[in-house]
Amino acid sequence: MLKKRDVADCHALFELLVDPAVFPYVRQKAYSYDEFVFLTKQTIEAEERGELISRTIVDEWGAPIGTINLFDISNQSGFLGTWIGKPYFGKGYNKVAKDAFFEELFFSCDIQTVFMRIRKENVRSYMAANKLPYCTLANEFRRDIYEQINEKEDVYNLFQIEKDQYHLHLMRTTQDELEIKEA
Protein backbone atom coordinates (compact mmCIF):
# COMPACT_ATOMS: atom_id res chain seq x y z
CA MET A 1 0.00 0.00 0.00
CA LEU A 2 2.95 2.38 0.51
CA LYS A 3 6.12 3.07 -1.40
CA LYS A 4 8.86 5.67 -1.28
CA ARG A 5 8.14 8.89 -3.13
CA ASP A 6 9.19 8.91 -6.78
CA VAL A 7 9.04 11.68 -9.37
CA ALA A 8 7.64 9.10 -11.82
CA ASP A 9 4.36 9.16 -9.85
CA CYS A 10 3.91 12.92 -10.16
CA HIS A 11 1.59 12.99 -13.17
CA ALA A 12 -0.98 10.60 -11.65
CA LEU A 13 -0.76 12.26 -8.23
CA PHE A 14 -1.06 15.80 -9.57
CA GLU A 15 -4.29 14.93 -11.42
CA LEU A 16 -5.75 13.68 -8.12
CA LEU A 17 -4.36 16.56 -6.06
CA VAL A 18 -5.99 19.37 -8.05
CA ASP A 19 -9.53 18.06 -7.52
CA PRO A 20 -11.55 20.65 -5.53
CA ALA A 21 -12.54 17.91 -3.06
CA VAL A 22 -8.83 17.38 -2.23
CA PHE A 23 -6.81 20.51 -2.97
CA PRO A 24 -8.06 22.80 -0.16
CA TYR A 25 -7.02 20.25 2.46
CA VAL A 26 -3.45 19.43 1.41
CA ARG A 27 -0.46 20.96 3.13
CA GLN A 28 1.86 21.11 0.11
CA LYS A 29 -0.16 22.95 -2.52
CA ALA A 30 1.09 22.92 -6.11
CA TYR A 31 -0.68 25.09 -8.67
CA SER A 32 1.00 23.50 -11.69
CA TYR A 33 2.44 20.13 -12.64
CA ASP A 34 5.97 21.58 -12.73
CA GLU A 35 5.53 23.01 -9.24
CA PHE A 36 4.34 19.59 -8.02
CA VAL A 37 7.43 17.90 -9.50
CA PHE A 38 9.61 20.51 -7.77
CA LEU A 39 7.82 19.98 -4.42
CA THR A 40 8.18 16.21 -4.79
CA LYS A 41 11.93 16.54 -5.39
CA GLN A 42 12.18 18.82 -2.34
CA THR A 43 10.24 16.26 -0.28
CA ILE A 44 12.56 13.43 -1.32
CA GLU A 45 15.61 15.56 -0.39
CA ALA A 46 14.06 16.58 2.96
CA GLU A 47 13.50 12.92 3.80
CA GLU A 48 17.14 12.17 3.02
CA ARG A 49 18.04 14.88 5.57
CA GLY A 50 15.70 13.34 8.19
CA GLU A 51 13.29 16.31 8.24
CA LEU A 52 10.20 14.34 7.22
CA ILE A 53 8.99 10.92 6.14
CA SER A 54 6.88 10.69 2.99
CA ARG A 55 5.27 7.80 1.17
CA THR A 56 3.05 7.40 -1.87
CA ILE A 57 -0.17 5.50 -1.23
CA VAL A 58 -0.88 2.96 -3.97
CA ASP A 59 -3.90 0.82 -4.75
CA GLU A 60 -3.96 -2.97 -5.20
CA TRP A 61 -2.46 -2.59 -8.69
CA GLY A 62 0.35 -0.27 -7.64
CA ALA A 63 -1.24 2.90 -9.04
CA PRO A 64 -0.52 6.08 -7.01
CA ILE A 65 -3.67 7.35 -5.27
CA GLY A 66 -2.34 9.82 -2.66
CA THR A 67 0.43 10.57 -0.18
CA ILE A 68 1.03 10.16 3.53
CA ASN A 69 3.68 12.23 5.32
CA LEU A 70 5.13 12.98 8.71
CA PHE A 71 6.17 16.64 8.73
CA ASP A 72 8.02 18.78 11.28
CA ILE A 73 9.82 15.88 12.95
CA SER A 74 11.17 16.93 16.33
CA ASN A 75 11.62 15.16 19.68
CA GLN A 76 10.44 11.81 18.27
CA SER A 77 7.16 13.34 17.06
CA GLY A 78 5.74 14.98 13.98
CA PHE A 79 2.57 16.06 12.18
CA LEU A 80 0.71 13.70 9.88
CA GLY A 81 -0.45 14.87 6.48
CA THR A 82 -2.49 12.52 4.31
CA TRP A 83 -4.50 12.97 1.16
CA ILE A 84 -6.19 10.50 -1.14
CA GLY A 85 -7.71 11.23 -4.55
CA LYS A 86 -11.48 11.63 -4.75
CA PRO A 87 -12.10 8.44 -6.80
CA TYR A 88 -10.68 6.50 -3.83
CA PHE A 89 -12.74 8.15 -1.06
CA GLY A 90 -14.66 5.75 1.15
CA LYS A 91 -12.94 2.60 -0.07
CA GLY A 92 -10.82 1.89 3.02
CA TYR A 93 -7.49 3.09 1.63
CA ASN A 94 -7.05 5.75 4.34
CA LYS A 95 -7.13 3.25 7.21
CA VAL A 96 -4.89 0.72 5.46
CA ALA A 97 -2.36 3.43 4.55
CA LYS A 98 -2.33 4.85 8.07
CA ASP A 99 -1.84 1.41 9.61
CA ALA A 100 1.11 0.67 7.32
CA PHE A 101 2.60 4.12 7.94
CA PHE A 102 2.20 3.96 11.72
CA GLU A 103 3.79 0.51 11.72
CA GLU A 104 6.82 1.98 9.95
CA LEU A 105 6.97 5.16 12.06
CA PHE A 106 6.59 3.50 15.45
CA PHE A 107 8.58 0.32 14.91
CA SER A 108 11.23 1.31 12.36
CA CYS A 109 11.73 5.07 12.71
CA ASP A 110 11.65 5.59 16.51
CA ILE A 111 8.70 8.00 16.41
CA GLN A 112 6.74 8.16 19.69
CA THR A 113 3.89 10.58 18.89
CA VAL A 114 2.06 11.47 15.71
CA PHE A 115 -0.04 14.63 15.74
CA MET A 116 -2.81 15.45 13.31
CA ARG A 117 -4.14 18.94 12.85
CA ILE A 118 -7.48 18.81 11.12
CA ARG A 119 -9.38 21.86 9.95
CA LYS A 120 -12.59 22.16 11.94
CA GLU A 121 -14.62 22.43 8.72
CA ASN A 122 -13.01 19.26 7.29
CA VAL A 123 -15.74 16.88 8.42
CA ARG A 124 -14.42 13.96 6.30
CA SER A 125 -11.00 13.98 8.02
CA TYR A 126 -12.51 14.61 11.46
CA MET A 127 -14.76 11.56 11.08
CA ALA A 128 -11.85 9.45 9.79
CA ALA A 129 -9.73 10.39 12.82
CA ASN A 130 -12.58 9.53 15.20
CA LYS A 131 -12.83 6.05 13.65
CA LEU A 132 -9.24 5.23 14.66
CA PRO A 133 -9.44 3.49 18.06
CA TYR A 134 -5.89 4.58 18.95
CA CYS A 135 -6.40 8.26 18.12
CA THR A 136 -7.24 10.86 20.78
CA LEU A 137 -8.62 14.39 20.49
CA ALA A 138 -5.85 16.39 22.17
CA ASN A 139 -7.16 19.99 22.15
CA GLU A 140 -7.29 20.14 25.95
CA PHE A 141 -4.45 17.97 27.27
CA ARG A 142 -1.91 19.17 24.66
CA ARG A 143 -2.97 22.78 25.01
CA ASP A 144 0.50 24.14 24.17
CA ILE A 145 0.51 22.48 20.75
CA TYR A 146 -3.18 23.27 20.16
CA GLU A 147 -2.50 26.97 20.76
CA GLN A 148 0.61 26.84 18.56
CA ILE A 149 -1.27 25.43 15.54
CA ASN A 150 -4.09 27.94 16.08
CA GLU A 151 -1.80 30.90 16.76
CA LYS A 152 -3.43 33.22 14.21
CA GLU A 153 -6.96 31.83 14.15
CA ASP A 154 -8.88 28.96 15.76
CA VAL A 155 -9.20 26.68 12.72
CA TYR A 156 -7.74 23.28 13.75
CA ASN A 157 -8.58 20.39 16.03
CA LEU A 158 -5.54 18.55 17.35
CA PHE A 159 -5.42 14.76 17.48
CA GLN A 160 -2.58 12.56 18.66
CA ILE A 161 -1.53 8.96 18.29
CA GLU A 162 0.94 7.61 20.81
CA LYS A 163 3.14 4.62 20.03
CA ASP A 164 1.96 2.86 23.20
CA GLN A 165 -1.72 3.30 22.31
CA TYR A 166 -1.12 2.08 18.77
CA HIS A 167 0.88 -0.91 20.00
CA LEU A 168 -1.88 -1.80 22.50
CA HIS A 169 -4.41 -1.60 19.66
CA LEU A 170 -2.30 -3.99 17.56
CA MET A 171 -1.99 -6.47 20.44
CA ARG A 172 -5.76 -6.39 21.06
CA THR A 173 -6.51 -6.83 17.36
CA THR A 174 -4.11 -9.78 17.12
CA GLN A 175 -5.64 -11.37 20.24
CA ASP A 176 -9.17 -10.90 18.86
CA GLU A 177 -8.16 -12.52 15.57
CA LEU A 178 -6.62 -15.49 17.40
CA GLU A 179 -9.79 -15.98 19.47
CA ILE A 180 -11.94 -15.91 16.33
CA LYS A 181 -9.74 -18.55 14.64
CA GLU A 182 -9.89 -20.78 17.72
CA ALA A 183 -13.68 -20.54 18.01
C-alpha atoms as a PDB file:
ATOM      1  CA  MET A   1       0.000   0.000   0.000  1.00  0.00           C
ATOM      2  CA  LEU A   2       2.949   2.376   0.514  1.00  0.00           C
ATOM      3  CA  LYS A   3       6.122   3.075  -1.405  1.00  0.00           C
ATOM      4  CA  LYS A   4       8.863   5.673  -1.284  1.00  0.00           C
ATOM      5  CA  ARG A   5       8.137   8.891  -3.134  1.00  0.00           C
ATOM      6  CA  ASP A   6       9.193   8.913  -6.779  1.00  0.00           C
ATOM      7  CA  VAL A   7       9.040  11.683  -9.368  1.00  0.00           C
ATOM      8  CA  ALA A   8       7.644   9.096 -11.817  1.00  0.00           C
ATOM      9  CA  ASP A   9       4.360   9.156  -9.852  1.00  0.00           C
ATOM     10  CA  CYS A  10       3.908  12.925 -10.163  1.00  0.00           C
ATOM     11  CA  HIS A  11       1.592  12.987 -13.167  1.00  0.00           C
ATOM     12  CA  ALA A  12      -0.977  10.597 -11.649  1.00  0.00           C
ATOM     13  CA  LEU A  13      -0.756  12.255  -8.226  1.00  0.00           C
ATOM     14  CA  PHE A  14      -1.065  15.800  -9.568  1.00  0.00           C
ATOM     15  CA  GLU A  15      -4.285  14.933 -11.417  1.00  0.00           C
ATOM     16  CA  LEU A  16      -5.749  13.677  -8.121  1.00  0.00           C
ATOM     17  CA  LEU A  17      -4.355  16.563  -6.056  1.00  0.00           C
ATOM     18  CA  VAL A  18      -5.989  19.373  -8.051  1.00  0.00           C
ATOM     19  CA  ASP A  19      -9.533  18.057  -7.519  1.00  0.00           C
ATOM     20  CA  PRO A  20     -11.554  20.646  -5.532  1.00  0.00           C
ATOM     21  CA  ALA A  21     -12.538  17.912  -3.059  1.00  0.00           C
ATOM     22  CA  VAL A  22      -8.835  17.379  -2.233  1.00  0.00           C
ATOM     23  CA  PHE A  23      -6.814  20.511  -2.965  1.00  0.00           C
ATOM     24  CA  PRO A  24      -8.060  22.803  -0.160  1.00  0.00           C
ATOM     25  CA  TYR A  25      -7.019  20.254   2.465  1.00  0.00           C
ATOM     26  CA  VAL A  26      -3.453  19.432   1.405  1.00  0.00           C
ATOM     27  CA  ARG A  27      -0.457  20.962   3.126  1.00  0.00           C
ATOM     28  CA  GLN A  28       1.855  21.110   0.112  1.00  0.00           C
ATOM     29  CA  LYS A  29      -0.156  22.950  -2.521  1.00  0.00           C
ATOM     30  CA  ALA A  30       1.092  22.921  -6.113  1.00  0.00           C
ATOM     31  CA  TYR A  31      -0.681  25.090  -8.665  1.00  0.00           C
ATOM     32  CA  SER A  32       0.996  23.503 -11.691  1.00  0.00           C
ATOM     33  CA  TYR A  33       2.435  20.131 -12.638  1.00  0.00           C
ATOM     34  CA  ASP A  34       5.970  21.578 -12.731  1.00  0.00           C
ATOM     35  CA  GLU A  35       5.531  23.013  -9.240  1.00  0.00           C
ATOM     36  CA  PHE A  36       4.337  19.585  -8.024  1.00  0.00           C
ATOM     37  CA  VAL A  37       7.429  17.898  -9.496  1.00  0.00           C
ATOM     38  CA  PHE A  38       9.611  20.510  -7.770  1.00  0.00           C
ATOM     39  CA  LEU A  39       7.821  19.978  -4.418  1.00  0.00           C
ATOM     40  CA  THR A  40       8.179  16.206  -4.787  1.00  0.00           C
ATOM     41  CA  LYS A  41      11.928  16.544  -5.389  1.00  0.00           C
ATOM     42  CA  GLN A  42      12.182  18.818  -2.338  1.00  0.00           C
ATOM     43  CA  THR A  43      10.238  16.262  -0.278  1.00  0.00           C
ATOM     44  CA  ILE A  44      12.563  13.433  -1.317  1.00  0.00           C
ATOM     45  CA  GLU A  45      15.605  15.560  -0.393  1.00  0.00           C
ATOM     46  CA  ALA A  46      14.062  16.580   2.959  1.00  0.00           C
ATOM     47  CA  GLU A  47      13.498  12.922   3.804  1.00  0.00           C
ATOM     48  CA  GLU A  48      17.142  12.168   3.025  1.00  0.00           C
ATOM     49  CA  ARG A  49      18.042  14.881   5.574  1.00  0.00           C
ATOM     50  CA  GLY A  50      15.696  13.343   8.188  1.00  0.00           C
ATOM     51  CA  GLU A  51      13.294  16.307   8.244  1.00  0.00           C
ATOM     52  CA  LEU A  52      10.204  14.336   7.224  1.00  0.00           C
ATOM     53  CA  ILE A  53       8.988  10.916   6.144  1.00  0.00           C
ATOM     54  CA  SER A  54       6.883  10.694   2.991  1.00  0.00           C
ATOM     55  CA  ARG A  55       5.269   7.795   1.169  1.00  0.00           C
ATOM     56  CA  THR A  56       3.048   7.401  -1.875  1.00  0.00           C
ATOM     57  CA  ILE A  57      -0.173   5.505  -1.232  1.00  0.00           C
ATOM     58  CA  VAL A  58      -0.875   2.959  -3.968  1.00  0.00           C
ATOM     59  CA  ASP A  59      -3.904   0.815  -4.746  1.00  0.00           C
ATOM     60  CA  GLU A  60      -3.958  -2.970  -5.202  1.00  0.00           C
ATOM     61  CA  TRP A  61      -2.464  -2.594  -8.690  1.00  0.00           C
ATOM     62  CA  GLY A  62       0.346  -0.270  -7.636  1.00  0.00           C
ATOM     63  CA  ALA A  63      -1.243   2.903  -9.045  1.00  0.00           C
ATOM     64  CA  PRO A  64      -0.524   6.077  -7.014  1.00  0.00           C
ATOM     65  CA  ILE A  65      -3.668   7.352  -5.273  1.00  0.00           C
ATOM     66  CA  GLY A  66      -2.343   9.823  -2.659  1.00  0.00           C
ATOM     67  CA  THR A  67       0.426  10.572  -0.182  1.00  0.00           C
ATOM     68  CA  ILE A  68       1.030  10.162   3.527  1.00  0.00           C
ATOM     69  CA  ASN A  69       3.675  12.228   5.318  1.00  0.00           C
ATOM     70  CA  LEU A  70       5.129  12.979   8.708  1.00  0.00           C
ATOM     71  CA  PHE A  71       6.168  16.641   8.731  1.00  0.00           C
ATOM     72  CA  ASP A  72       8.019  18.782  11.281  1.00  0.00           C
ATOM     73  CA  ILE A  73       9.823  15.876  12.945  1.00  0.00           C
ATOM     74  CA  SER A  74      11.170  16.928  16.327  1.00  0.00           C
ATOM     75  CA  ASN A  75      11.616  15.159  19.678  1.00  0.00           C
ATOM     76  CA  GLN A  76      10.436  11.812  18.272  1.00  0.00           C
ATOM     77  CA  SER A  77       7.162  13.337  17.057  1.00  0.00           C
ATOM     78  CA  GLY A  78       5.737  14.982  13.980  1.00  0.00           C
ATOM     79  CA  PHE A  79       2.574  16.060  12.180  1.00  0.00           C
ATOM     80  CA  LEU A  80       0.713  13.695   9.875  1.00  0.00           C
ATOM     81  CA  GLY A  81      -0.447  14.869   6.476  1.00  0.00           C
ATOM     82  CA  THR A  82      -2.491  12.519   4.305  1.00  0.00           C
ATOM     83  CA  TRP A  83      -4.496  12.974   1.158  1.00  0.00           C
ATOM     84  CA  ILE A  84      -6.190  10.500  -1.139  1.00  0.00           C
ATOM     85  CA  GLY A  85      -7.706  11.227  -4.554  1.00  0.00           C
ATOM     86  CA  LYS A  86     -11.485  11.631  -4.754  1.00  0.00           C
ATOM     87  CA  PRO A  87     -12.097   8.441  -6.802  1.00  0.00           C
ATOM     88  CA  TYR A  88     -10.678   6.500  -3.832  1.00  0.00           C
ATOM     89  CA  PHE A  89     -12.738   8.146  -1.059  1.00  0.00           C
ATOM     90  CA  GLY A  90     -14.665   5.747   1.153  1.00  0.00           C
ATOM     91  CA  LYS A  91     -12.936   2.597  -0.072  1.00  0.00           C
ATOM     92  CA  GLY A  92     -10.818   1.887   3.021  1.00  0.00           C
ATOM     93  CA  TYR A  93      -7.493   3.092   1.634  1.00  0.00           C
ATOM     94  CA  ASN A  94      -7.052   5.748   4.336  1.00  0.00           C
ATOM     95  CA  LYS A  95      -7.132   3.253   7.214  1.00  0.00           C
ATOM     96  CA  VAL A  96      -4.888   0.717   5.460  1.00  0.00           C
ATOM     97  CA  ALA A  97      -2.363   3.435   4.546  1.00  0.00           C
ATOM     98  CA  LYS A  98      -2.325   4.852   8.075  1.00  0.00           C
ATOM     99  CA  ASP A  99      -1.842   1.406   9.612  1.00  0.00           C
ATOM    100  CA  ALA A 100       1.111   0.668   7.321  1.00  0.00           C
ATOM    101  CA  PHE A 101       2.604   4.123   7.942  1.00  0.00           C
ATOM    102  CA  PHE A 102       2.197   3.957  11.720  1.00  0.00           C
ATOM    103  CA  GLU A 103       3.786   0.511  11.723  1.00  0.00           C
ATOM    104  CA  GLU A 104       6.817   1.982   9.947  1.00  0.00           C
ATOM    105  CA  LEU A 105       6.971   5.159  12.065  1.00  0.00           C
ATOM    106  CA  PHE A 106       6.589   3.504  15.453  1.00  0.00           C
ATOM    107  CA  PHE A 107       8.577   0.323  14.913  1.00  0.00           C
ATOM    108  CA  SER A 108      11.233   1.308  12.364  1.00  0.00           C
ATOM    109  CA  CYS A 109      11.727   5.075  12.708  1.00  0.00           C
ATOM    110  CA  ASP A 110      11.651   5.590  16.507  1.00  0.00           C
ATOM    111  CA  ILE A 111       8.697   7.998  16.407  1.00  0.00           C
ATOM    112  CA  GLN A 112       6.743   8.159  19.690  1.00  0.00           C
ATOM    113  CA  THR A 113       3.892  10.578  18.892  1.00  0.00           C
ATOM    114  CA  VAL A 114       2.059  11.468  15.711  1.00  0.00           C
ATOM    115  CA  PHE A 115      -0.035  14.627  15.736  1.00  0.00           C
ATOM    116  CA  MET A 116      -2.811  15.453  13.308  1.00  0.00           C
ATOM    117  CA  ARG A 117      -4.141  18.939  12.848  1.00  0.00           C
ATOM    118  CA  ILE A 118      -7.485  18.812  11.120  1.00  0.00           C
ATOM    119  CA  ARG A 119      -9.380  21.865   9.951  1.00  0.00           C
ATOM    120  CA  LYS A 120     -12.588  22.158  11.943  1.00  0.00           C
ATOM    121  CA  GLU A 121     -14.619  22.431   8.724  1.00  0.00           C
ATOM    122  CA  ASN A 122     -13.014  19.259   7.286  1.00  0.00           C
ATOM    123  CA  VAL A 123     -15.740  16.883   8.417  1.00  0.00           C
ATOM    124  CA  ARG A 124     -14.416  13.957   6.304  1.00  0.00           C
ATOM    125  CA  SER A 125     -11.001  13.980   8.023  1.00  0.00           C
ATOM    126  CA  TYR A 126     -12.509  14.605  11.459  1.00  0.00           C
ATOM    127  CA  MET A 127     -14.764  11.564  11.084  1.00  0.00           C
ATOM    128  CA  ALA A 128     -11.855   9.450   9.786  1.00  0.00           C
ATOM    129  CA  ALA A 129      -9.730  10.385  12.821  1.00  0.00           C
ATOM    130  CA  ASN A 130     -12.577   9.531  15.198  1.00  0.00           C
ATOM    131  CA  LYS A 131     -12.827   6.051  13.652  1.00  0.00           C
ATOM    132  CA  LEU A 132      -9.244   5.231  14.659  1.00  0.00           C
ATOM    133  CA  PRO A 133      -9.440   3.493  18.064  1.00  0.00           C
ATOM    134  CA  TYR A 134      -5.892   4.576  18.952  1.00  0.00           C
ATOM    135  CA  CYS A 135      -6.398   8.263  18.123  1.00  0.00           C
ATOM    136  CA  THR A 136      -7.243  10.859  20.776  1.00  0.00           C
ATOM    137  CA  LEU A 137      -8.617  14.391  20.490  1.00  0.00           C
ATOM    138  CA  ALA A 138      -5.846  16.393  22.168  1.00  0.00           C
ATOM    139  CA  ASN A 139      -7.164  19.989  22.153  1.00  0.00           C
ATOM    140  CA  GLU A 140      -7.294  20.136  25.949  1.00  0.00           C
ATOM    141  CA  PHE A 141      -4.453  17.968  27.266  1.00  0.00           C
ATOM    142  CA  ARG A 142      -1.914  19.166  24.658  1.00  0.00           C
ATOM    143  CA  ARG A 143      -2.971  22.782  25.009  1.00  0.00           C
ATOM    144  CA  ASP A 144       0.502  24.138  24.165  1.00  0.00           C
ATOM    145  CA  ILE A 145       0.506  22.483  20.747  1.00  0.00           C
ATOM    146  CA  TYR A 146      -3.179  23.269  20.164  1.00  0.00           C
ATOM    147  CA  GLU A 147      -2.497  26.972  20.758  1.00  0.00           C
ATOM    148  CA  GLN A 148       0.607  26.838  18.558  1.00  0.00           C
ATOM    149  CA  ILE A 149      -1.271  25.431  15.541  1.00  0.00           C
ATOM    150  CA  ASN A 150      -4.093  27.939  16.084  1.00  0.00           C
ATOM    151  CA  GLU A 151      -1.802  30.903  16.756  1.00  0.00           C
ATOM    152  CA  LYS A 152      -3.429  33.216  14.215  1.00  0.00           C
ATOM    153  CA  GLU A 153      -6.961  31.831  14.149  1.00  0.00           C
ATOM    154  CA  ASP A 154      -8.879  28.959  15.764  1.00  0.00           C
ATOM    155  CA  VAL A 155      -9.195  26.676  12.717  1.00  0.00           C
ATOM    156  CA  TYR A 156      -7.743  23.281  13.746  1.00  0.00           C
ATOM    157  CA  ASN A 157      -8.581  20.390  16.033  1.00  0.00           C
ATOM    158  CA  LEU A 158      -5.539  18.546  17.350  1.00  0.00           C
ATOM    159  CA  PHE A 159      -5.424  14.761  17.481  1.00  0.00           C
ATOM    160  CA  GLN A 160      -2.579  12.561  18.662  1.00  0.00           C
ATOM    161  CA  ILE A 161      -1.529   8.960  18.287  1.00  0.00           C
ATOM    162  CA  GLU A 162       0.937   7.614  20.812  1.00  0.00           C
ATOM    163  CA  LYS A 163       3.139   4.621  20.031  1.00  0.00           C
ATOM    164  CA  ASP A 164       1.960   2.855  23.203  1.00  0.00           C
ATOM    165  CA  GLN A 165      -1.725   3.296  22.308  1.00  0.00           C
ATOM    166  CA  TYR A 166      -1.117   2.081  18.772  1.00  0.00           C
ATOM    167  CA  HIS A 167       0.877  -0.915  20.004  1.00  0.00           C
ATOM    168  CA  LEU A 168      -1.876  -1.796  22.500  1.00  0.00           C
ATOM    169  CA  HIS A 169      -4.413  -1.603  19.659  1.00  0.00           C
ATOM    170  CA  LEU A 170      -2.295  -3.993  17.559  1.00  0.00           C
ATOM    171  CA  MET A 171      -1.990  -6.466  20.436  1.00  0.00           C
ATOM    172  CA  ARG A 172      -5.761  -6.393  21.057  1.00  0.00           C
ATOM    173  CA  THR A 173      -6.508  -6.834  17.361  1.00  0.00           C
ATOM    174  CA  THR A 174      -4.111  -9.776  17.122  1.00  0.00           C
ATOM    175  CA  GLN A 175      -5.640 -11.367  20.239  1.00  0.00           C
ATOM    176  CA  ASP A 176      -9.173 -10.905  18.858  1.00  0.00           C
ATOM    177  CA  GLU A 177      -8.156 -12.517  15.566  1.00  0.00           C
ATOM    178  CA  LEU A 178      -6.620 -15.487  17.402  1.00  0.00           C
ATOM    179  CA  GLU A 179      -9.788 -15.982  19.469  1.00  0.00           C
ATOM    180  CA  ILE A 180     -11.939 -15.912  16.330  1.00  0.00           C
ATOM    181  CA  LYS A 181      -9.740 -18.549  14.641  1.00  0.00           C
ATOM    182  CA  GLU A 182      -9.886 -20.783  17.715  1.00  0.00           C
ATOM    183  CA  ALA A 183     -13.683 -20.537  18.009  1.00  0.00           C
END
